[in-house]
Amino acid sequence: GVDLEWNGNNRTLKTSMKNCIERAPM
């Protein structure tokens, strides 16, 4: 359930949960 953005050159990883707020029940 976690979105992963890998940067192989810099050896970094950005994690997020895209559209999590929009999907959350109101």
mmCIF file of all heavy atoms, coordinates in Angstrom:
data_MODEL
# 
_entry.id   MODEL 
# 
loop_
_atom_site.group_PDB 
_atom_site.id 
_atom_site.type_symbol 
_atom_site.label_atom_id 
_atom_site.label_alt_id 
_atom_site.label_comp_id 
_atom_site.label_asym_id 
_atom_site.label_entity_id 
_atom_site.label_seq_id 
_atom_site.pdbx_PDB_ins_code 
_atom_site.Cartn_x 
_atom_site.Cartn_y 
_atom_site.Cartn_z 
_atom_site.occupancy 
_atom_site.B_iso_or_equiv 
_atom_site.pdbx_formal_charge 
_atom_site.auth_seq_id 
_atom_site.auth_comp_id 
_atom_site.auth_asym_id 
_atom_site.auth_atom_id 
_atom_site.pdbx_PDB_model_num 
ATOM 1   N N   . GLY A 1 1  ? 0.776   -1.228 0.000   1.00 0.00 ? 1  GLY A N   1 
ATOM 2   C CA  . GLY A 1 1  ? 0.000   0.000  0.000   1.00 0.00 ? 1  GLY A CA  1 
ATOM 3   C C   . GLY A 1 1  ? 0.806   1.276  0.000   1.00 0.00 ? 1  GLY A C   1 
ATOM 4   O O   . GLY A 1 1  ? 0.238   2.382  0.054   1.00 0.00 ? 1  GLY A O   1 
ATOM 5   N N   . VAL A 1 2  ? 2.127   1.167  -0.075  1.00 0.00 ? 2  VAL A N   1 
ATOM 6   C CA  . VAL A 1 2  ? 3.003   2.335  -0.052  1.00 0.00 ? 2  VAL A CA  1 
ATOM 7   C C   . VAL A 1 2  ? 3.591   2.553  -1.442  1.00 0.00 ? 2  VAL A C   1 
ATOM 8   O O   . VAL A 1 2  ? 4.068   1.603  -2.079  1.00 0.00 ? 2  VAL A O   1 
ATOM 9   C CB  . VAL A 1 2  ? 4.143   2.168  0.977   1.00 0.00 ? 2  VAL A CB  1 
ATOM 10  C CG1 . VAL A 1 2  ? 5.063   3.387  0.963   1.00 0.00 ? 2  VAL A CG1 1 
ATOM 11  C CG2 . VAL A 1 2  ? 3.572   1.937  2.368   1.00 0.00 ? 2  VAL A CG2 1 
ATOM 12  N N   . ASP A 1 3  ? 3.546   3.798  -1.910  1.00 0.00 ? 3  ASP A N   1 
ATOM 13  C CA  . ASP A 1 3  ? 4.140   4.144  -3.201  1.00 0.00 ? 3  ASP A CA  1 
ATOM 14  C C   . ASP A 1 3  ? 5.636   4.377  -3.030  1.00 0.00 ? 3  ASP A C   1 
ATOM 15  O O   . ASP A 1 3  ? 6.061   5.084  -2.110  1.00 0.00 ? 3  ASP A O   1 
ATOM 16  C CB  . ASP A 1 3  ? 3.481   5.398  -3.763  1.00 0.00 ? 3  ASP A CB  1 
ATOM 17  C CG  . ASP A 1 3  ? 2.003   5.183  -4.051  1.00 0.00 ? 3  ASP A CG  1 
ATOM 18  O OD1 . ASP A 1 3  ? 1.695   4.398  -4.964  1.00 0.00 ? 3  ASP A OD1 1 
ATOM 19  O OD2 . ASP A 1 3  ? 1.163   5.785  -3.344  1.00 0.00 ? 3  ASP A OD2 1 
ATOM 20  N N   . LEU A 1 4  ? 6.431   3.768  -3.914  1.00 0.00 ? 4  LEU A N   1 
ATOM 21  C CA  . LEU A 1 4  ? 7.893   3.820  -3.818  1.00 0.00 ? 4  LEU A CA  1 
ATOM 22  C C   . LEU A 1 4  ? 8.487   4.463  -5.068  1.00 0.00 ? 4  LEU A C   1 
ATOM 23  O O   . LEU A 1 4  ? 8.152   4.078  -6.190  1.00 0.00 ? 4  LEU A O   1 
ATOM 24  C CB  . LEU A 1 4  ? 8.462   2.405  -3.654  1.00 0.00 ? 4  LEU A CB  1 
ATOM 25  C CG  . LEU A 1 4  ? 7.853   1.541  -2.537  1.00 0.00 ? 4  LEU A CG  1 
ATOM 26  C CD1 . LEU A 1 4  ? 8.422   0.140  -2.599  1.00 0.00 ? 4  LEU A CD1 1 
ATOM 27  C CD2 . LEU A 1 4  ? 8.095   2.166  -1.176  1.00 0.00 ? 4  LEU A CD2 1 
ATOM 28  N N   . GLU A 1 5  ? 9.362   5.444  -4.854  1.00 0.00 ? 5  GLU A N   1 
ATOM 29  C CA  . GLU A 1 5  ? 10.076  6.087  -5.959  1.00 0.00 ? 5  GLU A CA  1 
ATOM 30  C C   . GLU A 1 5  ? 11.574  5.869  -5.746  1.00 0.00 ? 5  GLU A C   1 
ATOM 31  O O   . GLU A 1 5  ? 12.193  6.519  -4.901  1.00 0.00 ? 5  GLU A O   1 
ATOM 32  C CB  . GLU A 1 5  ? 9.748   7.581  -6.015  1.00 0.00 ? 5  GLU A CB  1 
ATOM 33  C CG  . GLU A 1 5  ? 8.284   7.872  -6.313  1.00 0.00 ? 5  GLU A CG  1 
ATOM 34  C CD  . GLU A 1 5  ? 7.992   9.360  -6.399  1.00 0.00 ? 5  GLU A CD  1 
ATOM 35  O OE1 . GLU A 1 5  ? 8.874   10.112 -6.884  1.00 0.00 ? 5  GLU A OE1 1 
ATOM 36  O OE2 . GLU A 1 5  ? 6.911   9.781  -5.956  1.00 0.00 ? 5  GLU A OE2 1 
ATOM 37  N N   . TRP A 1 6  ? 12.136  4.939  -6.527  1.00 0.00 ? 6  TRP A N   1 
ATOM 38  C CA  . TRP A 1 6  ? 13.543  4.577  -6.390  1.00 0.00 ? 6  TRP A CA  1 
ATOM 39  C C   . TRP A 1 6  ? 14.404  5.461  -7.292  1.00 0.00 ? 6  TRP A C   1 
ATOM 40  O O   . TRP A 1 6  ? 14.063  5.706  -8.447  1.00 0.00 ? 6  TRP A O   1 
ATOM 41  C CB  . TRP A 1 6  ? 13.764  3.118  -6.768  1.00 0.00 ? 6  TRP A CB  1 
ATOM 42  C CG  . TRP A 1 6  ? 12.985  2.144  -5.940  1.00 0.00 ? 6  TRP A CG  1 
ATOM 43  C CD1 . TRP A 1 6  ? 11.739  1.637  -6.211  1.00 0.00 ? 6  TRP A CD1 1 
ATOM 44  C CD2 . TRP A 1 6  ? 13.399  1.548  -4.711  1.00 0.00 ? 6  TRP A CD2 1 
ATOM 45  N NE1 . TRP A 1 6  ? 11.358  0.766  -5.232  1.00 0.00 ? 6  TRP A NE1 1 
ATOM 46  C CE2 . TRP A 1 6  ? 12.348  0.681  -4.292  1.00 0.00 ? 6  TRP A CE2 1 
ATOM 47  C CE3 . TRP A 1 6  ? 14.542  1.647  -3.919  1.00 0.00 ? 6  TRP A CE3 1 
ATOM 48  C CZ2 . TRP A 1 6  ? 12.427  -0.073 -3.134  1.00 0.00 ? 6  TRP A CZ2 1 
ATOM 49  C CZ3 . TRP A 1 6  ? 14.617  0.900  -2.761  1.00 0.00 ? 6  TRP A CZ3 1 
ATOM 50  C CH2 . TRP A 1 6  ? 13.580  0.053  -2.369  1.00 0.00 ? 6  TRP A CH2 1 
ATOM 51  N N   . ASN A 1 7  ? 15.530  5.904  -6.762  1.00 0.00 ? 7  ASN A N   1 
ATOM 52  C CA  . ASN A 1 7  ? 16.530  6.613  -7.566  1.00 0.00 ? 7  ASN A CA  1 
ATOM 53  C C   . ASN A 1 7  ? 17.808  5.785  -7.513  1.00 0.00 ? 7  ASN A C   1 
ATOM 54  O O   . ASN A 1 7  ? 18.558  5.826  -6.533  1.00 0.00 ? 7  ASN A O   1 
ATOM 55  C CB  . ASN A 1 7  ? 16.779  8.018  -7.013  1.00 0.00 ? 7  ASN A CB  1 
ATOM 56  C CG  . ASN A 1 7  ? 17.668  8.849  -7.926  1.00 0.00 ? 7  ASN A CG  1 
ATOM 57  O OD1 . ASN A 1 7  ? 18.679  8.370  -8.437  1.00 0.00 ? 7  ASN A OD1 1 
ATOM 58  N ND2 . ASN A 1 7  ? 17.302  10.108 -8.133  1.00 0.00 ? 7  ASN A ND2 1 
ATOM 59  N N   . GLY A 1 8  ? 18.014  5.008  -8.585  1.00 0.00 ? 8  GLY A N   1 
ATOM 60  C CA  . GLY A 1 8  ? 19.145  4.101  -8.600  1.00 0.00 ? 8  GLY A CA  1 
ATOM 61  C C   . GLY A 1 8  ? 20.487  4.800  -8.622  1.00 0.00 ? 8  GLY A C   1 
ATOM 62  O O   . GLY A 1 8  ? 21.477  4.283  -8.076  1.00 0.00 ? 8  GLY A O   1 
ATOM 63  N N   . ASN A 1 9  ? 20.562  5.964  -9.230  1.00 0.00 ? 9  ASN A N   1 
ATOM 64  C CA  . ASN A 1 9  ? 21.833  6.688  -9.315  1.00 0.00 ? 9  ASN A CA  1 
ATOM 65  C C   . ASN A 1 9  ? 22.253  7.265  -7.971  1.00 0.00 ? 9  ASN A C   1 
ATOM 66  O O   . ASN A 1 9  ? 23.417  7.158  -7.560  1.00 0.00 ? 9  ASN A O   1 
ATOM 67  C CB  . ASN A 1 9  ? 21.728  7.806  -10.355 1.00 0.00 ? 9  ASN A CB  1 
ATOM 68  C CG  . ASN A 1 9  ? 21.536  7.271  -11.766 1.00 0.00 ? 9  ASN A CG  1 
ATOM 69  O OD1 . ASN A 1 9  ? 22.061  6.214  -12.107 1.00 0.00 ? 9  ASN A OD1 1 
ATOM 70  N ND2 . ASN A 1 9  ? 20.774  7.991  -12.582 1.00 0.00 ? 9  ASN A ND2 1 
ATOM 71  N N   . ASN A 1 10 ? 21.305  7.878  -7.285  1.00 0.00 ? 10 ASN A N   1 
ATOM 72  C CA  . ASN A 1 10 ? 21.612  8.484  -5.979  1.00 0.00 ? 10 ASN A CA  1 
ATOM 73  C C   . ASN A 1 10 ? 21.419  7.526  -4.817  1.00 0.00 ? 10 ASN A C   1 
ATOM 74  O O   . ASN A 1 10 ? 21.733  7.878  -3.672  1.00 0.00 ? 10 ASN A O   1 
ATOM 75  C CB  . ASN A 1 10 ? 20.746  9.731  -5.773  1.00 0.00 ? 10 ASN A CB  1 
ATOM 76  C CG  . ASN A 1 10 ? 21.020  10.820 -6.792  1.00 0.00 ? 10 ASN A CG  1 
ATOM 77  O OD1 . ASN A 1 10 ? 22.140  10.942 -7.273  1.00 0.00 ? 10 ASN A OD1 1 
ATOM 78  N ND2 . ASN A 1 10 ? 20.001  11.604 -7.126  1.00 0.00 ? 10 ASN A ND2 1 
ATOM 79  N N   . ARG A 1 11 ? 20.900  6.340  -5.133  1.00 0.00 ? 11 ARG A N   1 
ATOM 80  C CA  . ARG A 1 11 ? 20.623  5.332  -4.104  1.00 0.00 ? 11 ARG A CA  1 
ATOM 81  C C   . ARG A 1 11 ? 19.726  5.914  -3.019  1.00 0.00 ? 11 ARG A C   1 
ATOM 82  O O   . ARG A 1 11 ? 20.007  5.865  -1.822  1.00 0.00 ? 11 ARG A O   1 
ATOM 83  C CB  . ARG A 1 11 ? 21.917  4.791  -3.481  1.00 0.00 ? 11 ARG A CB  1 
ATOM 84  C CG  . ARG A 1 11 ? 22.953  4.303  -4.474  1.00 0.00 ? 11 ARG A CG  1 
ATOM 85  C CD  . ARG A 1 11 ? 22.398  3.298  -5.455  1.00 0.00 ? 11 ARG A CD  1 
ATOM 86  N NE  . ARG A 1 11 ? 21.987  2.034  -4.810  1.00 0.00 ? 11 ARG A NE  1 
ATOM 87  C CZ  . ARG A 1 11 ? 21.308  1.077  -5.435  1.00 0.00 ? 11 ARG A CZ  1 
ATOM 88  N NH1 . ARG A 1 11 ? 20.903  1.245  -6.686  1.00 0.00 ? 11 ARG A NH1 1 
ATOM 89  N NH2 . ARG A 1 11 ? 20.986  -0.022 -4.804  1.00 0.00 ? 11 ARG A NH2 1 
ATOM 90  N N   . THR A 1 12 ? 18.601  6.467  -3.449  1.00 0.00 ? 12 THR A N   1 
ATOM 91  C CA  . THR A 1 12 ? 17.629  7.027  -2.511  1.00 0.00 ? 12 THR A CA  1 
ATOM 92  C C   . THR A 1 12 ? 16.246  6.447  -2.810  1.00 0.00 ? 12 THR A C   1 
ATOM 93  O O   . THR A 1 12 ? 15.979  5.938  -3.905  1.00 0.00 ? 12 THR A O   1 
ATOM 94  C CB  . THR A 1 12 ? 17.564  8.560  -2.602  1.00 0.00 ? 12 THR A CB  1 
ATOM 95  O OG1 . THR A 1 12 ? 17.189  8.935  -3.941  1.00 0.00 ? 12 THR A OG1 1 
ATOM 96  C CG2 . THR A 1 12 ? 18.907  9.182  -2.245  1.00 0.00 ? 12 THR A CG2 1 
ATOM 97  N N   . LEU A 1 13 ? 15.376  6.552  -1.827  1.00 0.00 ? 13 LEU A N   1 
ATOM 98  C CA  . LEU A 1 13 ? 14.004  6.061  -1.968  1.00 0.00 ? 13 LEU A CA  1 
ATOM 99  C C   . LEU A 1 13 ? 13.059  7.067  -1.338  1.00 0.00 ? 13 LEU A C   1 
ATOM 100 O O   . LEU A 1 13 ? 13.257  7.486  -0.190  1.00 0.00 ? 13 LEU A O   1 
ATOM 101 C CB  . LEU A 1 13 ? 13.838  4.695  -1.289  1.00 0.00 ? 13 LEU A CB  1 
ATOM 102 C CG  . LEU A 1 13 ? 12.400  4.187  -1.134  1.00 0.00 ? 13 LEU A CG  1 
ATOM 103 C CD1 . LEU A 1 13 ? 11.764  3.929  -2.496  1.00 0.00 ? 13 LEU A CD1 1 
ATOM 104 C CD2 . LEU A 1 13 ? 12.368  2.918  -0.272  1.00 0.00 ? 13 LEU A CD2 1 
ATOM 105 N N   . LYS A 1 14 ? 12.036  7.444  -2.079  1.00 0.00 ? 14 LYS A N   1 
ATOM 106 C CA  . LYS A 1 14 ? 10.994  8.326  -1.564  1.00 0.00 ? 14 LYS A CA  1 
ATOM 107 C C   . LYS A 1 14 ? 9.720   7.517  -1.404  1.00 0.00 ? 14 LYS A C   1 
ATOM 108 O O   . LYS A 1 14 ? 9.240   6.887  -2.349  1.00 0.00 ? 14 LYS A O   1 
ATOM 109 C CB  . LYS A 1 14 ? 10.762  9.493  -2.526  1.00 0.00 ? 14 LYS A CB  1 
ATOM 110 C CG  . LYS A 1 14 ? 9.675   10.457 -2.065  1.00 0.00 ? 14 LYS A CG  1 
ATOM 111 C CD  . LYS A 1 14 ? 9.490   11.582 -3.073  1.00 0.00 ? 14 LYS A CD  1 
ATOM 112 C CE  . LYS A 1 14 ? 8.372   12.523 -2.629  1.00 0.00 ? 14 LYS A CE  1 
ATOM 113 N NZ  . LYS A 1 14 ? 8.168   13.614 -3.626  1.00 0.00 ? 14 LYS A NZ  1 
ATOM 114 N N   . THR A 1 15 ? 9.173   7.528  -0.202  1.00 0.00 ? 15 THR A N   1 
ATOM 115 C CA  . THR A 1 15 ? 7.946   6.781  0.060   1.00 0.00 ? 15 THR A CA  1 
ATOM 116 C C   . THR A 1 15 ? 6.793   7.749  0.273   1.00 0.00 ? 15 THR A C   1 
ATOM 117 O O   . THR A 1 15 ? 6.966   8.836  0.827   1.00 0.00 ? 15 THR A O   1 
ATOM 118 C CB  . THR A 1 15 ? 8.100   5.885  1.302   1.00 0.00 ? 15 THR A CB  1 
ATOM 119 O OG1 . THR A 1 15 ? 8.338   6.705  2.453   1.00 0.00 ? 15 THR A OG1 1 
ATOM 120 C CG2 . THR A 1 15 ? 9.247   4.917  1.132   1.00 0.00 ? 15 THR A CG2 1 
ATOM 121 N N   . SER A 1 16 ? 5.611   7.340  -0.144  1.00 0.00 ? 16 SER A N   1 
ATOM 122 C CA  . SER A 1 16 ? 4.421   8.163  0.023   1.00 0.00 ? 16 SER A CA  1 
ATOM 123 C C   . SER A 1 16 ? 3.188   7.276  -0.106  1.00 0.00 ? 16 SER A C   1 
ATOM 124 O O   . SER A 1 16 ? 3.288   6.090  -0.434  1.00 0.00 ? 16 SER A O   1 
ATOM 125 C CB  . SER A 1 16 ? 4.380   9.284  -1.024  1.00 0.00 ? 16 SER A CB  1 
ATOM 126 O OG  . SER A 1 16 ? 4.316   8.730  -2.336  1.00 0.00 ? 16 SER A OG  1 
ATOM 127 N N   . MET A 1 17 ? 2.038   7.859  0.168   1.00 0.00 ? 17 MET A N   1 
ATOM 128 C CA  . MET A 1 17 ? 0.765   7.171  -0.045  1.00 0.00 ? 17 MET A CA  1 
ATOM 129 C C   . MET A 1 17 ? -0.111  8.118  -0.860  1.00 0.00 ? 17 MET A C   1 
ATOM 130 O O   . MET A 1 17 ? -0.903  8.889  -0.314  1.00 0.00 ? 17 MET A O   1 
ATOM 131 C CB  . MET A 1 17 ? 0.120   6.798  1.288   1.00 0.00 ? 17 MET A CB  1 
ATOM 132 C CG  . MET A 1 17 ? 0.953   5.828  2.105   1.00 0.00 ? 17 MET A CG  1 
ATOM 133 S SD  . MET A 1 17 ? 0.174   5.287  3.639   1.00 0.00 ? 17 MET A SD  1 
ATOM 134 C CE  . MET A 1 17 ? -1.118  4.225  3.006   1.00 0.00 ? 17 MET A CE  1 
ATOM 135 N N   . LYS A 1 18 ? 0.079   8.062  -2.160  1.00 0.00 ? 18 LYS A N   1 
ATOM 136 C CA  . LYS A 1 18 ? -0.600  8.988  -3.065  1.00 0.00 ? 18 LYS A CA  1 
ATOM 137 C C   . LYS A 1 18 ? -2.115  8.803  -3.005  1.00 0.00 ? 18 LYS A C   1 
ATOM 138 O O   . LYS A 1 18 ? -2.614  7.677  -2.935  1.00 0.00 ? 18 LYS A O   1 
ATOM 139 C CB  . LYS A 1 18 ? -0.107  8.779  -4.493  1.00 0.00 ? 18 LYS A CB  1 
ATOM 140 C CG  . LYS A 1 18 ? 1.385   9.040  -4.673  1.00 0.00 ? 18 LYS A CG  1 
ATOM 141 C CD  . LYS A 1 18 ? 1.832   8.739  -6.080  1.00 0.00 ? 18 LYS A CD  1 
ATOM 142 C CE  . LYS A 1 18 ? 3.332   8.992  -6.243  1.00 0.00 ? 18 LYS A CE  1 
ATOM 143 N NZ  . LYS A 1 18 ? 3.808   8.643  -7.606  1.00 0.00 ? 18 LYS A NZ  1 
ATOM 144 N N   . ASN A 1 19 ? -2.809  9.915  -3.056  1.00 0.00 ? 19 ASN A N   1 
ATOM 145 C CA  . ASN A 1 19 ? -4.269  9.928  -3.071  1.00 0.00 ? 19 ASN A CA  1 
ATOM 146 C C   . ASN A 1 19 ? -4.882  9.283  -1.837  1.00 0.00 ? 19 ASN A C   1 
ATOM 147 O O   . ASN A 1 19 ? -6.040  8.875  -1.844  1.00 0.00 ? 19 ASN A O   1 
ATOM 148 C CB  . ASN A 1 19 ? -4.815  9.216  -4.329  1.00 0.00 ? 19 ASN A CB  1 
ATOM 149 C CG  . ASN A 1 19 ? -4.292  9.831  -5.612  1.00 0.00 ? 19 ASN A CG  1 
ATOM 150 O OD1 . ASN A 1 19 ? -4.189  11.042 -5.728  1.00 0.00 ? 19 ASN A OD1 1 
ATOM 151 N ND2 . ASN A 1 19 ? -3.929  8.980  -6.563  1.00 0.00 ? 19 ASN A ND2 1 
ATOM 152 N N   . CYS A 1 20 ? -4.091  9.183  -0.774  1.00 0.00 ? 20 CYS A N   1 
ATOM 153 C CA  . CYS A 1 20 ? -4.601  8.556  0.445   1.00 0.00 ? 20 CYS A CA  1 
ATOM 154 C C   . CYS A 1 20 ? -5.778  9.351  1.021   1.00 0.00 ? 20 CYS A C   1 
ATOM 155 O O   . CYS A 1 20 ? -6.775  8.771  1.451   1.00 0.00 ? 20 CYS A O   1 
ATOM 156 C CB  . CYS A 1 20 ? -3.476  8.464  1.480   1.00 0.00 ? 20 CYS A CB  1 
ATOM 157 S SG  . CYS A 1 20 ? -3.984  7.729  3.050   1.00 0.00 ? 20 CYS A SG  1 
ATOM 158 N N   . ILE A 1 21 ? -5.677  10.682 1.015   1.00 0.00 ? 21 ILE A N   1 
ATOM 159 C CA  . ILE A 1 21 ? -6.744  11.515 1.557   1.00 0.00 ? 21 ILE A CA  1 
ATOM 160 C C   . ILE A 1 21 ? -8.016  11.383 0.735   1.00 0.00 ? 21 ILE A C   1 
ATOM 161 O O   . ILE A 1 21 ? -9.117  11.268 1.265   1.00 0.00 ? 21 ILE A O   1 
ATOM 162 C CB  . ILE A 1 21 ? -6.311  12.992 1.619   1.00 0.00 ? 21 ILE A CB  1 
ATOM 163 C CG1 . ILE A 1 21 ? -5.058  13.147 2.490   1.00 0.00 ? 21 ILE A CG1 1 
ATOM 164 C CG2 . ILE A 1 21 ? -7.440  13.862 2.159   1.00 0.00 ? 21 ILE A CG2 1 
ATOM 165 C CD1 . ILE A 1 21 ? -5.250  12.701 3.923   1.00 0.00 ? 21 ILE A CD1 1 
ATOM 166 N N   . GLU A 1 22 ? -7.860  11.356 -0.618  1.00 0.00 ? 22 GLU A N   1 
ATOM 167 C CA  . GLU A 1 22 ? -9.022  11.251 -1.477  1.00 0.00 ? 22 GLU A CA  1 
ATOM 168 C C   . GLU A 1 22 ? -9.746  9.922  -1.292  1.00 0.00 ? 22 GLU A C   1 
ATOM 169 O O   . GLU A 1 22 ? -10.963 9.841  -1.407  1.00 0.00 ? 22 GLU A O   1 
ATOM 170 C CB  . GLU A 1 22 ? -8.605  11.401 -2.949  1.00 0.00 ? 22 GLU A CB  1 
ATOM 171 C CG  . GLU A 1 22 ? -8.204  12.820 -3.345  1.00 0.00 ? 22 GLU A CG  1 
ATOM 172 C CD  . GLU A 1 22 ? -6.762  13.140 -2.964  1.00 0.00 ? 22 GLU A CD  1 
ATOM 173 O OE1 . GLU A 1 22 ? -6.155  12.330 -2.250  1.00 0.00 ? 22 GLU A OE1 1 
ATOM 174 O OE2 . GLU A 1 22 ? -6.265  14.200 -3.379  1.00 0.00 ? 22 GLU A OE2 1 
ATOM 175 N N   . ARG A 1 23 ? -8.971  8.854  -0.992  1.00 0.00 ? 23 ARG A N   1 
ATOM 176 C CA  . ARG A 1 23 ? -9.578  7.538  -0.844  1.00 0.00 ? 23 ARG A CA  1 
ATOM 177 C C   . ARG A 1 23 ? -10.185 7.323  0.530   1.00 0.00 ? 23 ARG A C   1 
ATOM 178 O O   . ARG A 1 23 ? -10.982 6.403  0.716   1.00 0.00 ? 23 ARG A O   1 
ATOM 179 C CB  . ARG A 1 23 ? -8.525  6.443  -1.098  1.00 0.00 ? 23 ARG A CB  1 
ATOM 180 C CG  . ARG A 1 23 ? -8.005  6.397  -2.524  1.00 0.00 ? 23 ARG A CG  1 
ATOM 181 C CD  . ARG A 1 23 ? -7.338  5.047  -2.786  1.00 0.00 ? 23 ARG A CD  1 
ATOM 182 N NE  . ARG A 1 23 ? -6.285  4.784  -1.831  1.00 0.00 ? 23 ARG A NE  1 
ATOM 183 C CZ  . ARG A 1 23 ? -5.002  5.054  -2.049  1.00 0.00 ? 23 ARG A CZ  1 
ATOM 184 N NH1 . ARG A 1 23 ? -4.633  5.630  -3.173  1.00 0.00 ? 23 ARG A NH1 1 
ATOM 185 N NH2 . ARG A 1 23 ? -4.098  4.755  -1.144  1.00 0.00 ? 23 ARG A NH2 1 
ATOM 186 N N   . ALA A 1 24 ? -9.811  8.140  1.489   1.00 0.00 ? 24 ALA A N   1 
ATOM 187 C CA  . ALA A 1 24 ? -10.270 7.947  2.865   1.00 0.00 ? 24 ALA A CA  1 
ATOM 188 C C   . ALA A 1 24 ? -11.777 8.215  2.944   1.00 0.00 ? 24 ALA A C   1 
ATOM 189 O O   . ALA A 1 24 ? -12.284 9.157  2.336   1.00 0.00 ? 24 ALA A O   1 
ATOM 190 C CB  . ALA A 1 24 ? -9.527  8.880  3.810   1.00 0.00 ? 24 ALA A CB  1 
ATOM 191 N N   . PRO A 1 25 ? -12.530 7.383  3.712   1.00 0.00 ? 25 PRO A N   1 
ATOM 192 C CA  . PRO A 1 25 ? -13.976 7.611  3.845   1.00 0.00 ? 25 PRO A CA  1 
ATOM 193 C C   . PRO A 1 25 ? -14.249 8.894  4.611   1.00 0.00 ? 25 PRO A C   1 
ATOM 194 O O   . PRO A 1 25 ? -13.562 9.236  5.556   1.00 0.00 ? 25 PRO A O   1 
ATOM 195 C CB  . PRO A 1 25 ? -14.436 6.374  4.635   1.00 0.00 ? 25 PRO A CB  1 
ATOM 196 C CG  . PRO A 1 25 ? -13.216 5.908  5.366   1.00 0.00 ? 25 PRO A CG  1 
ATOM 197 C CD  . PRO A 1 25 ? -12.056 6.222  4.467   1.00 0.00 ? 25 PRO A CD  1 
ATOM 198 N N   . MET A 1 26 ? -15.249 9.621  4.157   1.00 0.00 ? 26 MET A N   1 
ATOM 199 C CA  . MET A 1 26 ? -15.610 10.882 4.792   1.00 0.00 ? 26 MET A CA  1 
ATOM 200 C C   . MET A 1 26 ? -16.709 10.651 5.839   1.00 0.00 ? 26 MET A C   1 
ATOM 201 O O   . MET A 1 26 ? -17.526 9.789  5.705   1.00 0.00 ? 26 MET A O   1 
ATOM 202 C CB  . MET A 1 26 ? -16.093 11.877 3.738   1.00 0.00 ? 26 MET A CB  1 
ATOM 203 C CG  . MET A 1 26 ? -15.065 12.145 2.634   1.00 0.00 ? 26 MET A CG  1 
ATOM 204 S SD  . MET A 1 26 ? -13.511 12.839 3.290   1.00 0.00 ? 26 MET A SD  1 
ATOM 205 C CE  . MET A 1 26 ? -14.103 14.472 3.744   1.00 0.00 ? 26 MET A CE  1 
# 
